[in-house]
């Protein structure tokens, strides 16, 4: 992977988050070394881990909706959908030392 100035990215952290409850629930993911002082040095990729079958069939159309805010050492994901969600995340170090 390359960022916009063609530097190689390093995978800094990856895992699956805890659960964010429906209708505005949040989940905080701790990432040591993540900082807002050099926010351009990190890229975060999120993917919902929705249940696409059974009684949660509406997740197929709403599972990709979320927002997140980055802080020092963590980021917080907000789930606006009508079902609980977990998220697969990848944090890439794209700049700095």
Protein backbone atom coordinates (compact mmCIF):
# COMPACT_ATOMS: atom_id res chain seq x y z
CA UNK A 1 0.00 0.00 0.00
CA UNK A 2 1.15 3.51 -0.76
CA UNK A 3 -0.06 6.86 0.49
CA UNK A 4 -0.43 9.99 -1.65
CA UNK A 5 3.29 10.74 -1.76
CA UNK A 6 4.30 7.16 -2.64
CA UNK A 7 5.75 6.10 0.71
CA UNK A 8 5.36 2.52 1.79
CA UNK A 9 2.84 2.06 4.60
CA UNK A 10 3.52 -0.17 7.59
CA UNK A 11 0.74 -2.09 9.29
CA UNK A 12 0.66 -0.59 12.79
CA UNK A 13 -2.32 -2.44 14.30
CA UNK A 14 -5.21 -4.68 13.24
CA UNK A 15 -7.94 -6.67 14.96
CA UNK A 16 -11.70 -6.75 15.45
CA UNK A 17 -13.25 -4.15 17.72
CA UNK A 18 -15.65 -4.74 20.55
CA UNK A 19 -19.36 -4.25 19.89
CA UNK A 20 -20.97 -0.87 19.28
CA UNK A 21 -24.65 -1.08 20.21
CA UNK A 22 -27.36 0.05 17.79
CA UNK A 23 -28.59 3.62 17.34
CA UNK A 24 -25.54 5.63 18.36
CA UNK A 25 -23.53 3.16 20.40
CA UNK A 26 -19.78 3.64 20.47
CA UNK A 27 -16.70 1.47 20.83
CA UNK A 28 -13.20 2.74 21.57
CA UNK A 29 -10.16 1.01 20.08
CA UNK A 30 -6.82 1.55 21.82
CA UNK A 31 -3.81 1.88 19.50
CA UNK A 32 -0.51 2.64 21.26
CA UNK A 33 1.46 5.30 19.39
CA UNK A 34 -1.53 6.73 17.51
CA UNK A 35 -1.41 10.50 17.80
CA UNK A 36 -3.38 13.50 16.58
CA UNK A 37 -0.22 15.63 16.58
CA UNK A 38 0.92 13.83 13.43
CA UNK A 39 -2.46 12.68 12.12
CA UNK A 40 -1.20 12.68 8.52
CA UNK A 41 1.19 9.90 9.53
CA UNK A 42 -1.65 7.37 10.02
CA UNK A 43 -4.41 5.89 7.87
CA UNK A 44 -7.30 3.90 9.37
CA UNK A 45 -9.36 1.40 7.39
CA UNK A 46 -12.63 0.11 8.89
CA UNK A 47 -14.92 -2.69 7.73
CA UNK A 48 -18.17 -3.64 9.42
CA UNK A 49 -18.56 -7.23 10.53
CA UNK A 50 -22.35 -7.32 10.09
CA UNK A 51 -24.59 -10.36 10.39
CA UNK A 52 -26.02 -10.58 6.86
CA UNK A 53 -28.57 -13.29 7.54
CA UNK A 54 -31.38 -14.28 9.87
CA UNK A 55 -33.30 -11.51 11.62
CA UNK A 56 -30.59 -8.94 10.81
CA UNK A 57 -31.17 -8.81 7.05
CA UNK A 58 -31.38 -4.99 7.11
CA UNK A 59 -27.66 -4.93 7.91
CA UNK A 60 -26.86 -5.64 4.27
CA UNK A 61 -27.95 -2.11 3.36
CA UNK A 62 -26.92 -0.25 6.53
CA UNK A 63 -23.84 -2.12 7.75
CA UNK A 64 -21.36 0.24 6.10
CA UNK A 65 -22.57 3.36 7.91
CA UNK A 66 -20.37 4.59 10.76
CA UNK A 67 -18.26 7.53 11.83
CA UNK A 68 -15.08 7.69 13.88
CA UNK A 69 -12.95 10.20 15.75
CA UNK A 70 -9.23 9.83 16.33
CA UNK A 71 -7.63 10.72 19.66
CA UNK A 72 -4.20 10.24 21.15
CA UNK A 73 -3.74 6.49 21.61
CA UNK A 74 -7.22 5.50 20.43
CA UNK A 75 -10.09 6.06 18.04
CA UNK A 76 -13.82 5.85 18.74
CA UNK A 77 -16.36 4.43 16.28
CA UNK A 78 -20.03 5.49 16.40
CA UNK A 79 -22.68 3.09 15.04
CA UNK A 80 -25.80 4.87 13.68
CA UNK A 81 -27.48 1.69 12.39
CA UNK A 82 -30.38 -0.20 13.92
CA UNK A 83 -28.25 -3.28 14.74
CA UNK A 84 -25.19 -3.82 16.94
CA UNK A 85 -21.92 -3.92 15.00
CA UNK A 86 -18.30 -4.95 15.38
CA UNK A 87 -15.60 -3.61 13.06
CA UNK A 88 -12.45 -5.06 11.54
CA UNK A 89 -9.80 -2.36 11.60
CA UNK A 90 -6.37 -1.76 10.11
CA UNK A 91 -4.15 1.12 11.20
CA UNK A 92 -1.31 1.95 8.82
CA UNK A 93 1.68 4.15 9.64
CA UNK A 94 2.15 6.11 6.43
CA UNK A 95 4.66 8.75 7.49
CA UNK A 96 6.98 9.97 10.21
CA UNK A 97 9.63 7.92 11.90
